[in-house]
Amino acid sequence: MYISRIYAAYGADYQPEDLKKKYGQLVVEQAKQIAQEKGVIYPEVDFGGGFSFSFLQEALTQHETQTPLPDLQAWGEQLAVTFRSLSRRQLHAYPNTLKVLKAIKDQGGDIILLSNAQKGFLTMPEIELTVVLLIWTKFIFLSIIRSKTTSRMVELVLKRISLIQKIR
């Protein structure tokens, strides 16, 4: 409901169920396009600015608005942060997580976030609220390669950053 209201502020009129349906259609369309362009079996749709802008362009009913649309990438990222904030029911680190990570770092270890989440949806406000940001050494977002994450892909990334040798 909230996201459909945000789109309405920019001239695209959706009922929440229509927005959900349009979302499904756009995911299928963009996944096919990415699969063809990148030659990947499991395409990953980027939900950033361009994807978000598609909803504005393709709304069945629209109204004229004087609300200026900011930079598309920044707008898409802000929309993702807003969505995550509004849909979050709870947020906390597992018991002893911070204590264990801090102990590893204090002993000279690196704490690396290897995530298959899209960067826009793994929001910095969430990371900051759990205080884990203060402990991590590096973030790696696998979604930048535009293919859904497989265990083989994770292994290749870990090898590339020389973690496999350290683990084995």
Protein backbone atom coordinates (compact mmCIF):
# COMPACT_ATOMS: atom_id res chain seq x y z
CA MET A 1 0.00 0.00 0.00
CA TYR A 2 2.76 2.46 0.93
CA ILE A 3 4.77 1.85 -2.23
CA SER A 4 1.71 2.41 -4.43
CA ARG A 5 1.24 5.75 -2.67
CA ILE A 6 4.85 6.69 -3.37
CA TYR A 7 4.35 5.94 -7.07
CA ALA A 8 1.16 8.03 -7.00
CA ALA A 9 3.23 10.99 -5.81
CA TYR A 10 5.07 10.77 -9.14
CA GLY A 11 1.95 10.35 -11.28
CA ALA A 12 1.54 6.56 -11.50
CA ASP A 13 -1.75 5.38 -10.03
CA TYR A 14 -1.73 1.79 -8.78
CA GLN A 15 -3.87 -0.22 -6.44
CA PRO A 16 -1.55 -2.40 -4.29
CA GLU A 17 -2.69 -5.62 -6.03
CA ASP A 18 -2.11 -4.06 -9.48
CA LEU A 19 1.38 -2.98 -8.45
CA LYS A 20 2.16 -6.52 -7.28
CA LYS A 21 0.93 -7.92 -10.61
CA LYS A 22 2.96 -5.36 -12.60
CA TYR A 23 6.01 -6.23 -10.48
CA GLY A 24 5.68 -9.90 -11.43
CA GLN A 25 5.37 -9.03 -15.13
CA LEU A 26 8.40 -6.72 -15.08
CA VAL A 27 10.53 -9.30 -13.27
CA VAL A 28 9.74 -11.93 -15.92
CA GLU A 29 10.40 -9.48 -18.79
CA GLN A 30 13.68 -8.20 -17.39
CA ALA A 31 14.88 -11.68 -16.42
CA LYS A 32 14.41 -12.83 -20.01
CA GLN A 33 16.25 -9.78 -21.32
CA ILE A 34 19.18 -10.24 -18.91
CA ALA A 35 19.41 -13.98 -19.71
CA GLN A 36 19.70 -13.17 -23.41
CA GLU A 37 22.14 -10.27 -22.99
CA LYS A 38 24.42 -11.88 -20.39
CA GLY A 39 24.02 -15.52 -21.38
CA VAL A 40 23.22 -16.57 -17.81
CA ILE A 41 20.90 -19.37 -16.76
CA TYR A 42 19.66 -17.71 -13.57
CA PRO A 43 19.34 -13.98 -14.30
CA GLU A 44 19.21 -11.50 -11.44
CA VAL A 45 16.98 -8.48 -11.99
CA ASP A 46 18.41 -5.21 -10.66
CA PHE A 47 15.66 -3.54 -8.71
CA GLY A 48 17.38 -0.15 -8.79
CA GLY A 49 16.45 3.01 -10.61
CA GLY A 50 15.60 1.69 -14.09
CA PHE A 51 13.37 -1.07 -12.74
CA SER A 52 11.58 1.33 -10.41
CA PHE A 53 11.16 3.84 -13.22
CA SER A 54 9.44 1.20 -15.36
CA PHE A 55 6.50 1.29 -12.96
CA LEU A 56 6.08 5.00 -13.58
CA GLN A 57 6.15 4.60 -17.35
CA GLU A 58 3.89 1.57 -17.54
CA ALA A 59 1.10 2.50 -15.10
CA LEU A 60 -2.30 1.95 -16.72
CA THR A 61 -3.67 5.09 -15.14
CA GLN A 62 -1.57 8.16 -14.64
CA HIS A 63 -2.15 11.72 -13.57
CA GLU A 64 -0.15 14.83 -14.29
CA THR A 65 2.24 15.82 -11.53
CA GLN A 66 4.67 18.63 -10.88
CA THR A 67 6.74 16.44 -8.54
CA PRO A 68 10.19 16.31 -10.09
CA LEU A 69 11.69 12.86 -10.47
CA PRO A 70 15.22 12.87 -9.03
CA ASP A 71 18.18 10.91 -10.34
CA LEU A 72 16.79 7.45 -11.22
CA GLN A 73 19.47 5.40 -9.49
CA ALA A 74 19.26 7.43 -6.29
CA TRP A 75 15.46 7.35 -6.41
CA GLY A 76 15.44 3.55 -6.87
CA GLU A 77 17.83 3.09 -3.97
CA GLN A 78 15.76 5.38 -1.74
CA LEU A 79 12.62 3.48 -2.71
CA ALA A 80 14.33 0.22 -1.70
CA VAL A 81 15.34 1.68 1.67
CA THR A 82 11.79 2.96 2.18
CA PHE A 83 10.28 -0.42 1.26
CA ARG A 84 12.61 -2.29 3.62
CA SER A 85 11.94 0.18 6.45
CA LEU A 86 8.18 -0.04 6.09
CA SER A 87 8.10 -3.84 5.74
CA ARG A 88 10.55 -4.66 8.55
CA ARG A 89 8.89 -6.27 11.59
CA GLN A 90 12.01 -6.87 13.65
CA LEU A 91 15.74 -6.41 13.34
CA HIS A 92 18.44 -7.73 15.61
CA ALA A 93 21.68 -9.63 15.50
CA TYR A 94 21.60 -13.23 16.72
CA PRO A 95 22.72 -13.70 20.34
CA ASN A 96 26.52 -13.42 20.75
CA THR A 97 27.05 -12.58 17.05
CA LEU A 98 28.63 -9.21 17.70
CA LYS A 99 30.77 -10.57 20.54
CA VAL A 100 32.14 -13.41 18.37
CA LEU A 101 32.78 -11.17 15.34
CA LYS A 102 34.55 -8.60 17.50
CA ALA A 103 36.75 -11.32 19.05
CA ILE A 104 37.74 -12.55 15.56
CA LYS A 105 38.57 -9.03 14.45
CA ASP A 106 40.49 -8.29 17.66
CA GLN A 107 42.67 -11.36 16.90
CA GLY A 108 43.48 -9.97 13.44
CA GLY A 109 40.82 -11.74 11.43
CA ASP A 110 38.83 -10.18 8.60
CA ILE A 111 35.05 -10.04 8.79
CA ILE A 112 33.64 -10.09 5.26
CA LEU A 113 29.98 -9.84 4.33
CA LEU A 114 29.42 -12.04 1.29
CA SER A 115 25.84 -11.36 0.28
CA ASN A 116 23.57 -12.52 -2.49
CA ALA A 117 21.18 -9.68 -1.64
CA GLN A 118 21.03 -6.75 -3.98
CA LYS A 119 22.95 -3.85 -2.57
CA GLY A 120 19.87 -1.63 -2.60
CA PHE A 121 17.89 -4.13 -0.57
CA LEU A 122 20.59 -4.86 1.98
CA THR A 123 20.16 -1.39 3.34
CA MET A 124 22.84 0.48 5.20
CA PRO A 125 20.31 1.67 7.81
CA GLU A 126 19.65 -1.98 8.73
CA ILE A 127 23.34 -2.76 8.89
CA GLU A 128 23.98 0.34 10.99
CA LEU A 129 21.11 -0.49 13.37
CA THR A 130 22.67 -3.88 14.16
CA VAL A 131 26.08 -2.22 14.79
CA VAL A 132 27.72 -4.89 12.63
CA LEU A 133 29.01 -2.15 10.28
CA LEU A 134 31.63 -1.27 12.88
CA ILE A 135 33.05 -4.80 12.72
CA TRP A 136 33.05 -5.73 9.02
CA THR A 137 36.20 -5.35 6.98
CA LYS A 138 34.68 -5.75 3.51
CA PHE A 139 31.32 -6.09 1.74
CA ILE A 140 30.93 -8.25 -1.37
CA PHE A 141 27.60 -8.15 -3.20
CA LEU A 142 27.31 -11.05 -5.63
CA SER A 143 24.29 -9.50 -7.36
CA ILE A 144 26.50 -7.14 -9.37
CA ILE A 145 27.19 -9.95 -11.84
CA ARG A 146 23.45 -10.02 -12.70
CA SER A 147 23.07 -13.76 -12.09
CA LYS A 148 21.49 -15.46 -9.10
CA THR A 149 24.00 -16.90 -6.70
CA THR A 150 24.99 -20.55 -6.86
CA SER A 151 27.36 -22.37 -4.51
CA ARG A 152 29.89 -22.64 -7.36
CA MET A 153 29.77 -18.88 -7.85
CA VAL A 154 30.38 -18.30 -4.13
CA GLU A 155 33.37 -20.62 -4.27
CA LEU A 156 34.81 -18.72 -7.25
CA VAL A 157 34.41 -15.40 -5.46
CA LEU A 158 36.01 -16.76 -2.31
CA LYS A 159 38.95 -18.10 -4.36
CA ARG A 160 39.30 -14.75 -6.07
CA ILE A 161 39.69 -12.98 -2.74
CA SER A 162 41.99 -15.76 -1.48
CA LEU A 163 39.70 -17.01 1.26
CA ILE A 164 39.48 -20.64 0.16
CA GLN A 165 43.21 -21.15 0.78
CA LYS A 166 42.90 -19.61 4.26
CA ILE A 167 39.89 -21.78 5.17
CA ARG A 168 41.29 -25.12 3.98
